[in-house]
Each structure stands twice: as structure tokens, then as C-alpha cells.
N, C-alpha and C. Protein backbone atom coordinates (compact mmCIF):
# COMPACT_ATOMS: atom_id res chain seq x y z
N UNK A 1 43.21 -16.88 68.15
CA UNK A 1 42.12 -16.30 67.41
C UNK A 1 41.67 -17.35 66.38
N UNK A 2 40.39 -17.66 66.36
CA UNK A 2 39.91 -18.65 65.41
C UNK A 2 39.49 -17.99 64.10
N UNK A 3 39.13 -18.82 63.14
CA UNK A 3 38.83 -18.30 61.79
C UNK A 3 37.62 -17.37 61.77
N UNK A 4 36.64 -17.61 62.62
CA UNK A 4 35.47 -16.73 62.67
C UNK A 4 35.87 -15.36 63.20
N UNK A 5 36.72 -15.32 64.20
CA UNK A 5 37.19 -14.04 64.74
C UNK A 5 38.02 -13.29 63.70
N UNK A 6 38.84 -14.01 62.95
CA UNK A 6 39.62 -13.38 61.88
C UNK A 6 38.68 -12.76 60.86
N UNK A 7 37.68 -13.53 60.45
CA UNK A 7 36.69 -13.04 59.48
C UNK A 7 36.01 -11.77 60.00
N UNK A 8 35.58 -11.79 61.25
CA UNK A 8 34.88 -10.64 61.82
C UNK A 8 35.79 -9.41 61.91
N UNK A 9 37.04 -9.59 62.29
CA UNK A 9 37.98 -8.47 62.37
C UNK A 9 38.20 -7.83 61.01
N UNK A 10 38.39 -8.65 60.00
CA UNK A 10 38.63 -8.12 58.66
C UNK A 10 37.36 -7.49 58.10
N UNK A 11 36.20 -8.08 58.39
CA UNK A 11 34.94 -7.49 57.94
C UNK A 11 34.73 -6.13 58.60
N UNK A 12 35.06 -6.01 59.88
CA UNK A 12 34.93 -4.73 60.59
C UNK A 12 35.89 -3.69 59.99
N UNK A 13 37.11 -4.12 59.70
CA UNK A 13 38.08 -3.24 59.06
C UNK A 13 37.55 -2.79 57.69
N UNK A 14 36.87 -3.68 56.98
CA UNK A 14 36.31 -3.36 55.67
C UNK A 14 35.24 -2.30 55.73
N UNK A 15 34.59 -2.16 56.87
CA UNK A 15 33.55 -1.14 57.02
C UNK A 15 34.14 0.27 57.06
N UNK A 16 35.40 0.37 57.50
CA UNK A 16 36.01 1.69 57.61
C UNK A 16 37.06 1.94 56.53
N UNK A 17 37.43 0.88 55.80
CA UNK A 17 38.48 1.00 54.77
C UNK A 17 38.05 0.30 53.51
N UNK A 18 38.05 1.00 52.40
CA UNK A 18 37.75 0.38 51.11
C UNK A 18 38.89 -0.56 50.73
N UNK A 19 38.65 -1.41 49.75
CA UNK A 19 39.71 -2.28 49.24
C UNK A 19 40.90 -1.43 48.82
N UNK A 20 42.09 -1.94 49.06
CA UNK A 20 43.31 -1.19 48.78
C UNK A 20 43.65 -1.15 47.29
N UNK A 21 43.34 -2.24 46.58
CA UNK A 21 43.69 -2.30 45.17
C UNK A 21 45.19 -2.17 44.98
N UNK A 22 45.60 -1.28 44.08
CA UNK A 22 47.02 -1.09 43.78
C UNK A 22 47.63 0.10 44.52
N UNK A 23 46.83 0.78 45.31
CA UNK A 23 47.29 1.97 46.03
C UNK A 23 48.31 1.56 47.09
N UNK A 24 49.56 1.98 46.90
CA UNK A 24 50.64 1.57 47.79
C UNK A 24 50.43 2.02 49.22
N UNK A 25 49.94 3.23 49.42
CA UNK A 25 49.68 3.73 50.77
C UNK A 25 48.58 2.91 51.44
N UNK A 26 47.55 2.57 50.69
CA UNK A 26 46.45 1.77 51.23
C UNK A 26 46.92 0.35 51.54
N UNK A 27 47.77 -0.22 50.69
CA UNK A 27 48.32 -1.55 50.96
C UNK A 27 49.15 -1.53 52.24
N UNK A 28 49.91 -0.47 52.45
CA UNK A 28 50.71 -0.35 53.67
C UNK A 28 49.81 -0.25 54.89
N UNK A 29 48.70 0.47 54.76
CA UNK A 29 47.76 0.59 55.87
C UNK A 29 47.18 -0.78 56.23
N UNK A 30 46.82 -1.56 55.21
CA UNK A 30 46.29 -2.91 55.45
C UNK A 30 47.37 -3.78 56.08
N UNK A 31 48.60 -3.67 55.58
CA UNK A 31 49.71 -4.45 56.13
C UNK A 31 49.93 -4.13 57.61
N UNK A 32 49.89 -2.87 57.97
CA UNK A 32 50.06 -2.48 59.37
C UNK A 32 48.92 -3.00 60.23
N UNK A 33 47.71 -2.96 59.70
CA UNK A 33 46.54 -3.52 60.40
C UNK A 33 46.75 -5.00 60.66
N UNK A 34 47.16 -5.74 59.64
CA UNK A 34 47.38 -7.19 59.76
C UNK A 34 48.49 -7.48 60.77
N UNK A 35 49.59 -6.75 60.66
CA UNK A 35 50.70 -6.98 61.58
C UNK A 35 50.31 -6.69 63.02
N UNK A 36 49.64 -5.57 63.24
CA UNK A 36 49.26 -5.17 64.59
C UNK A 36 48.22 -6.10 65.21
N UNK A 37 47.18 -6.41 64.46
CA UNK A 37 46.08 -7.18 65.01
C UNK A 37 46.40 -8.66 65.14
N UNK A 38 47.06 -9.22 64.14
CA UNK A 38 47.26 -10.66 64.11
C UNK A 38 48.68 -11.08 64.51
N UNK A 39 49.56 -10.12 64.75
CA UNK A 39 50.92 -10.45 65.16
C UNK A 39 51.75 -11.11 64.08
N UNK A 40 51.45 -10.79 62.84
CA UNK A 40 52.15 -11.35 61.69
C UNK A 40 53.17 -10.32 61.20
N UNK A 41 54.38 -10.74 60.96
CA UNK A 41 55.38 -9.86 60.37
C UNK A 41 55.42 -10.15 58.87
N UNK A 42 55.15 -9.14 58.06
CA UNK A 42 55.08 -9.30 56.62
C UNK A 42 56.39 -8.88 55.97
N UNK A 43 56.78 -9.62 54.97
CA UNK A 43 57.94 -9.22 54.17
C UNK A 43 57.48 -8.19 53.14
N UNK A 44 58.43 -7.49 52.55
CA UNK A 44 58.09 -6.52 51.51
C UNK A 44 57.36 -7.19 50.35
N UNK A 45 57.76 -8.41 50.02
CA UNK A 45 57.13 -9.14 48.91
C UNK A 45 55.69 -9.51 49.21
N UNK A 46 55.34 -9.66 50.48
CA UNK A 46 53.97 -10.04 50.85
C UNK A 46 53.01 -8.87 50.82
N UNK A 47 53.53 -7.65 50.86
CA UNK A 47 52.69 -6.46 50.84
C UNK A 47 52.41 -6.12 49.39
N UNK A 48 51.38 -6.75 48.87
CA UNK A 48 51.04 -6.60 47.45
C UNK A 48 49.54 -6.75 47.24
N UNK A 49 49.11 -6.36 46.07
CA UNK A 49 47.69 -6.41 45.72
C UNK A 49 47.14 -7.83 45.80
N UNK A 50 47.94 -8.81 45.43
CA UNK A 50 47.47 -10.21 45.42
C UNK A 50 47.15 -10.71 46.83
N UNK A 51 47.84 -10.19 47.84
CA UNK A 51 47.60 -10.61 49.22
C UNK A 51 46.69 -9.68 50.00
N UNK A 52 46.77 -8.38 49.73
CA UNK A 52 46.11 -7.39 50.58
C UNK A 52 45.22 -6.41 49.82
N UNK A 53 45.05 -6.59 48.52
CA UNK A 53 44.34 -5.62 47.70
C UNK A 53 42.84 -5.59 47.89
N UNK A 54 42.26 -6.65 48.42
CA UNK A 54 40.82 -6.72 48.67
C UNK A 54 40.61 -7.46 49.99
N UNK A 55 39.49 -7.20 50.64
CA UNK A 55 39.25 -7.78 51.96
C UNK A 55 39.23 -9.30 51.93
N UNK A 56 38.63 -9.89 50.90
CA UNK A 56 38.60 -11.36 50.83
C UNK A 56 40.01 -11.92 50.62
N UNK A 57 40.84 -11.21 49.87
CA UNK A 57 42.23 -11.64 49.67
C UNK A 57 43.02 -11.52 50.97
N UNK A 58 42.77 -10.44 51.72
CA UNK A 58 43.44 -10.25 52.99
C UNK A 58 43.06 -11.37 53.96
N UNK A 59 41.79 -11.71 53.99
CA UNK A 59 41.33 -12.79 54.88
C UNK A 59 42.00 -14.11 54.52
N UNK A 60 42.05 -14.44 53.25
CA UNK A 60 42.70 -15.68 52.81
C UNK A 60 44.18 -15.67 53.18
N UNK A 61 44.82 -14.54 52.97
CA UNK A 61 46.24 -14.41 53.28
C UNK A 61 46.50 -14.60 54.77
N UNK A 62 45.71 -13.94 55.61
CA UNK A 62 45.88 -14.06 57.06
C UNK A 62 45.64 -15.50 57.50
N UNK A 63 44.59 -16.12 56.97
CA UNK A 63 44.30 -17.53 57.32
C UNK A 63 45.49 -18.41 56.95
N UNK A 64 46.06 -18.19 55.79
CA UNK A 64 47.19 -19.01 55.34
C UNK A 64 48.40 -18.79 56.25
N UNK A 65 48.65 -17.54 56.63
CA UNK A 65 49.79 -17.24 57.49
C UNK A 65 49.61 -17.83 58.89
N UNK A 66 48.39 -17.77 59.42
CA UNK A 66 48.13 -18.27 60.77
C UNK A 66 47.87 -19.77 60.81
N UNK A 67 47.47 -20.33 59.67
CA UNK A 67 47.09 -21.74 59.62
C UNK A 67 47.67 -22.37 58.35
N UNK A 68 48.99 -22.55 58.30
CA UNK A 68 49.63 -23.01 57.06
C UNK A 68 49.16 -24.38 56.58
N UNK A 69 48.59 -25.21 57.46
CA UNK A 69 48.08 -26.52 57.04
C UNK A 69 46.69 -26.43 56.41
N UNK A 70 46.04 -25.26 56.49
CA UNK A 70 44.73 -25.08 55.87
C UNK A 70 43.58 -25.67 56.65
N UNK A 71 43.75 -25.88 57.93
CA UNK A 71 42.69 -26.48 58.77
C UNK A 71 41.46 -25.60 58.78
N UNK A 72 41.61 -24.28 58.77
CA UNK A 72 40.48 -23.35 58.86
C UNK A 72 40.04 -22.83 57.50
N UNK A 73 40.55 -23.37 56.42
CA UNK A 73 40.28 -22.83 55.08
C UNK A 73 38.82 -22.87 54.69
N UNK A 74 38.03 -23.78 55.28
CA UNK A 74 36.63 -23.89 54.88
C UNK A 74 35.81 -22.68 55.27
N UNK A 75 36.33 -21.82 56.16
CA UNK A 75 35.59 -20.64 56.57
C UNK A 75 35.79 -19.46 55.64
N UNK A 76 36.74 -19.53 54.76
CA UNK A 76 37.03 -18.43 53.84
C UNK A 76 36.27 -18.66 52.55
N UNK A 77 35.50 -17.66 52.15
CA UNK A 77 34.72 -17.79 50.91
C UNK A 77 35.58 -17.43 49.72
């Protein structure tokens, strides 16, 4: 999955789900979405507002997890 596809998937998710903010249940929902769609296993420490609390943060987090060298970072606003 390339960075544009990641962006589109998270944008589509954003249409049906508001930003999670500090809501623990909402953060868990975003975490499950990320794990299921992108095949990423998240640690308890990664399921937090800083990584998943807003759609742009989720996109940056997923890009970092899938592309640790930052090759696709230019696509994230």
C-alpha cells in the first residue's frame, strides 16, 4: 500500500468517525482500524492521543510504522 492509498483510507475512515481525542473507546476503535487495515500490531503505549487522537496524527503514525526511513513522509501534511 503506498502513501496515497494510506491517505485515502484514513480520509475515508474520517468521514465516518470523528477524531478520537482523549476518548479511550474511540482510540481503541482507531487502533483496531489501523491494525486490521494496515496489518500493524500496536503496543498499549502506542494507543494514545498523540498517535491516534486525530486523523492527521493517525496518518503520520501509520506512515512512520510502515515506512520507518521516512521515504513517503512528503505526502503527509
